[in-house]
N, C-alpha and C. Protein backbone atom coordinates (compact mmCIF):
# COMPACT_ATOMS: atom_id res chain seq x y z
N UNK A 1 123.23 102.24 103.82
CA UNK A 1 123.61 102.52 102.84
C UNK A 1 124.89 103.47 102.98
N UNK A 2 125.92 103.42 102.33
CA UNK A 2 127.29 103.86 102.43
C UNK A 2 127.09 105.44 101.70
N UNK A 3 128.08 105.78 101.30
CA UNK A 3 127.82 107.26 100.94
C UNK A 3 127.54 107.44 99.70
N UNK A 4 126.77 106.57 98.92
CA UNK A 4 126.11 106.64 97.80
C UNK A 4 125.00 108.52 97.56
N UNK A 5 124.85 108.76 98.54
CA UNK A 5 124.90 110.48 98.37
C UNK A 5 123.31 110.43 98.72
N UNK A 6 122.69 111.52 98.89
CA UNK A 6 121.19 111.92 99.72
C UNK A 6 120.07 110.45 99.19
N UNK A 7 119.10 110.19 100.04
CA UNK A 7 118.49 109.31 99.88
C UNK A 7 117.12 110.12 99.37
N UNK A 8 116.67 109.84 98.49
CA UNK A 8 115.61 110.79 97.79
C UNK A 8 114.26 110.48 98.82
N UNK A 9 113.47 111.09 98.74
CA UNK A 9 112.31 111.15 99.65
C UNK A 9 111.27 111.52 98.99
N UNK A 10 109.76 110.97 98.95
CA UNK A 10 108.63 111.66 98.38
C UNK A 10 107.97 112.32 99.63
N UNK A 11 106.95 113.49 99.18
CA UNK A 11 106.57 114.43 99.85
C UNK A 11 106.05 113.90 101.27
N UNK A 12 105.31 112.23 101.32
CA UNK A 12 105.36 111.92 102.58
C UNK A 12 106.04 111.58 103.39
N UNK A 13 107.48 111.65 102.94
CA UNK A 13 108.60 111.06 103.62
C UNK A 13 108.79 109.98 103.65
N UNK A 14 108.39 108.79 102.76
CA UNK A 14 108.62 107.70 102.34
C UNK A 14 110.18 107.71 101.55
N UNK A 15 111.32 106.98 101.84
CA UNK A 15 112.40 106.47 101.39
C UNK A 15 112.40 105.46 100.06
N UNK A 16 112.32 106.77 99.00
CA UNK A 16 111.84 105.71 97.61
C UNK A 16 113.53 104.94 97.54
N UNK A 17 114.62 105.25 97.75
CA UNK A 17 115.58 104.30 97.29
C UNK A 17 115.72 102.98 98.43
N UNK A 18 115.18 103.55 99.25
CA UNK A 18 114.94 102.41 100.09
C UNK A 18 114.55 100.90 99.27
N UNK A 19 113.88 100.97 98.31
CA UNK A 19 113.46 100.02 97.55
C UNK A 19 114.20 99.50 96.31
N UNK A 20 115.41 100.34 96.61
CA UNK A 20 116.94 99.75 95.62
C UNK A 20 117.51 98.96 96.28
N UNK A 21 117.53 98.71 97.90
CA UNK A 21 118.40 97.94 98.46
C UNK A 21 118.25 96.29 98.21
N UNK A 22 119.37 95.85 98.58
CA UNK A 22 119.24 94.19 97.98
C UNK A 22 118.18 93.25 98.73
N UNK A 23 118.57 93.85 100.15
CA UNK A 23 117.64 92.91 100.94
C UNK A 23 116.35 93.56 101.27
N UNK A 24 116.00 94.46 100.57
CA UNK A 24 114.04 95.00 100.02
C UNK A 24 113.91 94.01 98.93
N UNK A 25 114.66 94.68 98.02
CA UNK A 25 114.46 93.06 96.75
C UNK A 25 114.32 92.08 97.08
N UNK A 26 114.94 91.66 97.93
CA UNK A 26 114.91 89.95 98.26
C UNK A 26 113.65 89.49 98.99
N UNK A 27 113.07 90.50 99.54
CA UNK A 27 111.66 90.37 99.98
C UNK A 27 110.29 90.16 99.21
N UNK A 28 110.24 90.86 97.44
CA UNK A 28 109.69 90.75 96.84
C UNK A 28 109.44 88.92 96.16
N UNK A 29 110.40 88.94 96.72
CA UNK A 29 110.44 87.00 95.82
C UNK A 29 108.97 86.13 96.54
N UNK A 30 108.41 86.49 97.52
CA UNK A 30 107.58 85.63 97.65
C UNK A 30 106.19 86.26 97.17
N UNK A 31 106.23 87.43 96.42
CA UNK A 31 105.44 88.29 95.58
C UNK A 31 105.14 87.60 94.56
N UNK A 32 106.70 87.44 93.50
CA UNK A 32 106.98 87.21 92.49
C UNK A 32 106.71 86.04 92.30
N UNK A 33 107.10 84.55 93.09
CA UNK A 33 106.84 83.37 93.35
C UNK A 33 105.01 83.13 93.29
N UNK A 34 104.25 84.13 93.82
CA UNK A 34 102.84 83.79 93.99
C UNK A 34 102.12 84.62 92.23
N UNK A 35 102.69 85.41 91.85
CA UNK A 35 102.21 85.87 90.65
C UNK A 35 102.76 84.75 89.55
N UNK A 36 103.98 84.30 89.57
CA UNK A 36 104.17 83.46 88.79
C UNK A 36 103.36 81.60 89.08
N UNK A 37 103.26 81.78 89.92
CA UNK A 37 102.25 80.34 90.49
C UNK A 37 100.53 80.30 89.77
N UNK A 38 100.27 81.59 89.88
CA UNK A 38 99.03 81.97 89.05
C UNK A 38 99.16 82.31 87.87
N UNK A 39 100.16 82.79 86.83
CA UNK A 39 100.56 82.56 85.80
C UNK A 39 101.62 82.17 85.33
N UNK A 40 101.80 80.49 85.47
CA UNK A 40 102.91 80.15 85.04
C UNK A 40 103.56 80.45 83.24
N UNK A 41 102.57 80.51 82.66
CA UNK A 41 102.87 80.41 81.10
C UNK A 41 103.32 81.73 80.46
N UNK A 42 103.42 82.88 81.68
CA UNK A 42 103.35 84.20 81.45
C UNK A 42 104.62 84.82 81.24
N UNK A 43 105.23 85.09 80.11
CA UNK A 43 106.68 85.24 79.52
C UNK A 43 106.86 86.74 80.18
N UNK A 44 105.96 87.71 80.56
CA UNK A 44 106.12 89.13 80.50
C UNK A 44 106.00 89.09 82.48
N UNK A 45 106.98 87.37 83.30
CA UNK A 45 106.65 87.86 84.75
C UNK A 45 107.69 89.14 85.24
N UNK A 46 107.38 89.86 85.77
CA UNK A 46 108.29 90.37 86.99
C UNK A 46 109.25 89.90 88.08
N UNK A 47 110.43 90.52 87.82
CA UNK A 47 111.75 90.41 88.41
C UNK A 47 111.16 90.69 89.37
N UNK A 48 112.13 90.27 91.30
CA UNK A 48 112.10 91.02 92.29
C UNK A 48 112.16 92.79 92.17
N UNK A 49 113.61 92.99 91.48
CA UNK A 49 113.53 94.26 91.37
C UNK A 49 112.78 95.22 90.35
N UNK A 50 112.20 94.74 89.71
CA UNK A 50 110.95 95.59 89.21
C UNK A 50 109.81 95.65 89.91
N UNK A 51 109.45 94.56 90.62
CA UNK A 51 108.27 94.57 91.81
C UNK A 51 108.66 95.57 92.92
N UNK A 52 109.94 96.03 93.35
CA UNK A 52 110.56 96.92 93.98
C UNK A 52 110.24 98.45 93.41
N UNK A 53 111.02 98.11 92.10
CA UNK A 53 110.59 99.66 91.31
C UNK A 53 109.22 100.14 91.23
N UNK A 54 108.21 99.08 90.96
CA UNK A 54 106.85 99.44 90.70
C UNK A 54 106.21 100.34 92.28
N UNK A 55 106.65 99.38 93.44
CA UNK A 55 106.39 100.06 94.49
C UNK A 55 106.76 101.43 94.57
N UNK A 56 108.14 101.65 94.50
CA UNK A 56 108.65 102.67 94.74
C UNK A 56 107.57 103.94 93.57
N UNK A 57 107.27 103.41 92.77
CA UNK A 57 106.98 104.24 91.77
C UNK A 57 105.50 104.58 91.99
N UNK A 58 104.47 103.51 92.35
CA UNK A 58 103.28 103.67 93.08
C UNK A 58 103.12 104.59 94.04
N UNK A 59 104.04 104.68 95.10
CA UNK A 59 104.20 105.36 96.66
C UNK A 59 104.71 106.83 95.81
N UNK A 60 105.57 106.87 94.82
CA UNK A 60 106.01 108.11 93.97
C UNK A 60 104.55 109.19 93.41
N UNK A 61 104.05 108.16 92.84
CA UNK A 61 102.61 108.35 92.08
C UNK A 61 101.39 109.08 93.11
N UNK A 62 101.69 107.81 94.11
CA UNK A 62 100.11 108.14 95.07
C UNK A 62 100.31 109.77 95.75
N UNK A 63 102.25 110.14 96.26
CA UNK A 63 102.20 111.16 96.72
C UNK A 63 101.90 112.30 95.74
N UNK A 64 102.45 112.21 94.44
CA UNK A 64 102.26 113.41 93.58
C UNK A 64 100.71 113.59 93.21
N UNK A 65 100.16 112.45 93.23
CA UNK A 65 98.69 112.47 92.70
C UNK A 65 98.07 113.07 93.83
N UNK A 66 97.85 112.38 95.04
CA UNK A 66 96.89 112.37 96.06
C UNK A 66 97.83 113.56 96.84
N UNK A 67 98.65 113.76 97.68
CA UNK A 67 99.42 114.64 97.93
C UNK A 67 99.22 114.11 99.61
N UNK A 68 99.22 115.42 100.77
CA UNK A 68 99.33 114.80 101.52
C UNK A 68 97.58 114.66 102.51
N UNK A 69 96.80 114.69 101.49
CA UNK A 69 95.30 114.25 102.00
C UNK A 69 95.12 113.07 102.33
N UNK A 70 95.52 111.96 101.93
CA UNK A 70 95.41 110.59 102.28
C UNK A 70 96.37 109.99 103.20
N UNK A 71 95.78 109.99 104.18
CA UNK A 71 96.56 109.37 105.19
C UNK A 71 96.86 107.93 105.86
N UNK A 72 96.01 107.19 105.21
CA UNK A 72 96.33 105.38 105.53
C UNK A 72 96.96 105.06 104.95
N UNK A 73 97.12 105.17 103.45
CA UNK A 73 98.37 104.54 102.91
C UNK A 73 99.73 104.78 103.59
N UNK A 74 100.08 106.50 104.31
CA UNK A 74 101.44 106.29 104.68
C UNK A 74 101.39 105.63 105.62
N UNK A 75 100.30 105.06 106.75
CA UNK A 75 100.35 104.51 107.80
C UNK A 75 100.71 103.28 107.62
N UNK A 76 100.16 102.93 106.60
CA UNK A 76 100.17 101.41 106.02
C UNK A 76 101.55 100.97 105.32
N UNK A 77 102.07 101.63 105.06
CA UNK A 77 103.38 101.07 104.60
C UNK A 77 104.72 100.99 105.59
């Protein structure tokens, strides 16, 4: 990432801004496709970028709500 400023980190050390990267967003295509396959008529389908943002928001929420007491999800991500 070029000089776009400091990377935001959650308390666990997860790089939230990492989920804004085009390479990471592209990786959510398989998830988006699977969701659309399950609900082909769903007009509110998520885009890859929305799925990436949802993931970043979930990590941030877990960090703020559960704090450092939960260790499993930190090692799994």
